[in-house]
Amino acid sequence: MDTLQHSHERATRSSRLGLRATPEQEIMLRRAAEASHKSLTDFILDSACRSAQEALLDQRLFMVTAHQAATLLEMLEHPAEDNTGLQRLFAKPAPWHNP
């Protein structure tokens, strides 16, 4: 992130987030921020936003090969026939539901 963009983001921040950490967590975060040459706030925000992006992408983006995509489309276009064995299996109560 360049300095101009960085200072612009700092100037336009308007929301306050609060969090509580153990003393050990705070020490680790402060050390990591210092090693990254960032303020504690910038380090935590950058880390949290990167993690948030990964979590959201995990929900939306699936990386597959062309062959895998073609196989999936084929399966969607031609669903499997009924499987009586699976129907019987799914009709049974789960073992953890039995008394």
C-alpha atoms as a PDB file:
ATOM      1  CA  MET A   1       0.000   0.000   0.000  1.00  0.00           C
ATOM      2  CA  ASP A   2       1.551   3.318  -0.977  1.00  0.00           C
ATOM      3  CA  THR A   3       1.927   6.200   1.476  1.00  0.00           C
ATOM      4  CA  LEU A   4      -0.655   8.437  -0.218  1.00  0.00           C
ATOM      5  CA  GLN A   5      -3.342   5.755  -0.156  1.00  0.00           C
ATOM      6  CA  HIS A   6      -2.359   4.849   3.403  1.00  0.00           C
ATOM      7  CA  SER A   7      -2.703   8.438   4.674  1.00  0.00           C
ATOM      8  CA  HIS A   8      -5.994   8.857   2.788  1.00  0.00           C
ATOM      9  CA  GLU A   9      -7.435   5.766   4.466  1.00  0.00           C
ATOM     10  CA  ARG A  10      -6.336   7.017   7.860  1.00  0.00           C
ATOM     11  CA  ALA A  11      -7.996  10.411   7.233  1.00  0.00           C
ATOM     12  CA  THR A  12     -11.332   8.900   6.159  1.00  0.00           C
ATOM     13  CA  ARG A  13     -11.766   6.376   8.953  1.00  0.00           C
ATOM     14  CA  SER A  14     -14.970   7.064  10.804  1.00  0.00           C
ATOM     15  CA  SER A  15     -15.955   3.850  12.576  1.00  0.00           C
ATOM     16  CA  ARG A  16     -14.528   2.734  15.873  1.00  0.00           C
ATOM     17  CA  LEU A  17     -14.044  -0.947  16.647  1.00  0.00           C
ATOM     18  CA  GLY A  18     -13.234  -2.198  20.104  1.00  0.00           C
ATOM     19  CA  LEU A  19     -11.701  -5.472  21.133  1.00  0.00           C
ATOM     20  CA  ARG A  20     -10.273  -7.102  24.194  1.00  0.00           C
ATOM     21  CA  ALA A  21      -7.113  -9.175  24.197  1.00  0.00           C
ATOM     22  CA  THR A  22      -5.088 -11.061  26.744  1.00  0.00           C
ATOM     23  CA  PRO A  23      -1.786  -9.423  27.708  1.00  0.00           C
ATOM     24  CA  GLU A  24       0.029 -12.121  25.733  1.00  0.00           C
ATOM     25  CA  GLN A  25      -2.054 -11.429  22.628  1.00  0.00           C
ATOM     26  CA  GLU A  26      -1.412  -7.711  22.929  1.00  0.00           C
ATOM     27  CA  ILE A  27       2.346  -8.254  23.229  1.00  0.00           C
ATOM     28  CA  MET A  28       2.353 -10.505  20.179  1.00  0.00           C
ATOM     29  CA  LEU A  29       0.269  -8.041  18.131  1.00  0.00           C
ATOM     30  CA  ARG A  30       2.473  -5.098  19.120  1.00  0.00           C
ATOM     31  CA  ARG A  31       5.634  -7.042  18.217  1.00  0.00           C
ATOM     32  CA  ALA A  32       4.196  -8.076  14.862  1.00  0.00           C
ATOM     33  CA  ALA A  33       3.067  -4.519  14.111  1.00  0.00           C
ATOM     34  CA  GLU A  34       6.517  -3.202  14.955  1.00  0.00           C
ATOM     35  CA  ALA A  35       8.185  -5.868  12.797  1.00  0.00           C
ATOM     36  CA  SER A  36       5.851  -4.873   9.936  1.00  0.00           C
ATOM     37  CA  HIS A  37       6.651  -1.177  10.433  1.00  0.00           C
ATOM     38  CA  LYS A  38       2.968  -0.429  11.032  1.00  0.00           C
ATOM     39  CA  SER A  39       0.978   1.086  13.825  1.00  0.00           C
ATOM     40  CA  LEU A  40      -0.924  -1.390  15.972  1.00  0.00           C
ATOM     41  CA  THR A  41      -4.214  -0.157  14.491  1.00  0.00           C
ATOM     42  CA  ASP A  42      -2.976  -0.494  10.896  1.00  0.00           C
ATOM     43  CA  PHE A  43      -1.543  -3.946  11.573  1.00  0.00           C
ATOM     44  CA  ILE A  44      -4.763  -5.229  13.166  1.00  0.00           C
ATOM     45  CA  LEU A  45      -6.991  -3.698  10.470  1.00  0.00           C
ATOM     46  CA  ASP A  46      -4.822  -5.027   7.637  1.00  0.00           C
ATOM     47  CA  SER A  47      -4.713  -8.492   9.191  1.00  0.00           C
ATOM     48  CA  ALA A  48      -8.440  -8.559   9.956  1.00  0.00           C
ATOM     49  CA  CYS A  49      -9.402  -7.323   6.482  1.00  0.00           C
ATOM     50  CA  ARG A  50      -7.142  -9.882   4.787  1.00  0.00           C
ATOM     51  CA  SER A  51      -8.702 -12.641   6.889  1.00  0.00           C
ATOM     52  CA  ALA A  52     -12.205 -11.339   6.141  1.00  0.00           C
ATOM     53  CA  GLN A  53     -11.512 -11.325   2.400  1.00  0.00           C
ATOM     54  CA  GLU A  54     -10.247 -14.909   2.552  1.00  0.00           C
ATOM     55  CA  ALA A  55     -13.326 -16.010   4.518  1.00  0.00           C
ATOM     56  CA  LEU A  56     -15.656 -14.358   2.008  1.00  0.00           C
ATOM     57  CA  LEU A  57     -13.793 -15.733  -0.996  1.00  0.00           C
ATOM     58  CA  ASP A  58     -13.969 -19.200   0.528  1.00  0.00           C
ATOM     59  CA  GLN A  59     -17.748 -18.851   0.362  1.00  0.00           C
ATOM     60  CA  ARG A  60     -17.902 -17.653  -3.247  1.00  0.00           C
ATOM     61  CA  LEU A  61     -14.910 -18.734  -5.254  1.00  0.00           C
ATOM     62  CA  PHE A  62     -14.098 -22.275  -6.254  1.00  0.00           C
ATOM     63  CA  MET A  63     -10.957 -22.890  -8.242  1.00  0.00           C
ATOM     64  CA  VAL A  64     -11.387 -25.865 -10.574  1.00  0.00           C
ATOM     65  CA  THR A  65      -9.776 -27.106 -13.750  1.00  0.00           C
ATOM     66  CA  ALA A  66     -11.632 -27.009 -17.069  1.00  0.00           C
ATOM     67  CA  HIS A  67     -12.131 -30.775 -16.808  1.00  0.00           C
ATOM     68  CA  GLN A  68     -13.615 -30.493 -13.304  1.00  0.00           C
ATOM     69  CA  ALA A  69     -15.967 -27.719 -14.459  1.00  0.00           C
ATOM     70  CA  ALA A  70     -17.125 -29.795 -17.431  1.00  0.00           C
ATOM     71  CA  THR A  71     -17.692 -32.808 -15.175  1.00  0.00           C
ATOM     72  CA  LEU A  72     -19.756 -30.715 -12.757  1.00  0.00           C
ATOM     73  CA  LEU A  73     -21.879 -29.282 -15.553  1.00  0.00           C
ATOM     74  CA  GLU A  74     -22.443 -32.780 -16.941  1.00  0.00           C
ATOM     75  CA  MET A  75     -23.573 -33.996 -13.512  1.00  0.00           C
ATOM     76  CA  LEU A  76     -25.954 -31.044 -13.150  1.00  0.00           C
ATOM     77  CA  GLU A  77     -27.433 -31.620 -16.597  1.00  0.00           C
ATOM     78  CA  HIS A  78     -27.866 -35.371 -16.059  1.00  0.00           C
ATOM     79  CA  PRO A  79     -28.668 -36.052 -12.404  1.00  0.00           C
ATOM     80  CA  ALA A  80     -28.085 -39.550 -11.077  1.00  0.00           C
ATOM     81  CA  GLU A  81     -30.992 -41.936 -10.860  1.00  0.00           C
ATOM     82  CA  ASP A  82     -32.595 -42.773  -7.538  1.00  0.00           C
ATOM     83  CA  ASN A  83     -30.424 -44.892  -5.310  1.00  0.00           C
ATOM     84  CA  THR A  84     -32.552 -47.122  -3.078  1.00  0.00           C
ATOM     85  CA  GLY A  85     -29.595 -47.918  -0.827  1.00  0.00           C
ATOM     86  CA  LEU A  86     -29.008 -44.237  -0.112  1.00  0.00           C
ATOM     87  CA  GLN A  87     -32.731 -43.660   0.400  1.00  0.00           C
ATOM     88  CA  ARG A  88     -32.777 -46.401   3.070  1.00  0.00           C
ATOM     89  CA  LEU A  89     -29.646 -45.023   4.699  1.00  0.00           C
ATOM     90  CA  PHE A  90     -30.996 -41.474   4.906  1.00  0.00           C
ATOM     91  CA  ALA A  91     -34.344 -42.725   6.209  1.00  0.00           C
ATOM     92  CA  LYS A  92     -32.647 -44.141   9.311  1.00  0.00           C
ATOM     93  CA  PRO A  93     -32.199 -41.859  12.333  1.00  0.00           C
ATOM     94  CA  ALA A  94     -28.643 -40.732  12.956  1.00  0.00           C
ATOM     95  CA  PRO A  95     -26.838 -42.871  15.560  1.00  0.00           C
ATOM     96  CA  TRP A  96     -26.364 -39.893  17.866  1.00  0.00           C
ATOM     97  CA  HIS A  97     -30.148 -39.385  17.934  1.00  0.00           C
ATOM     98  CA  ASN A  98     -30.828 -42.865  19.306  1.00  0.00           C
ATOM     99  CA  PRO A  99     -31.326 -43.063  23.089  1.00  0.00           C
END
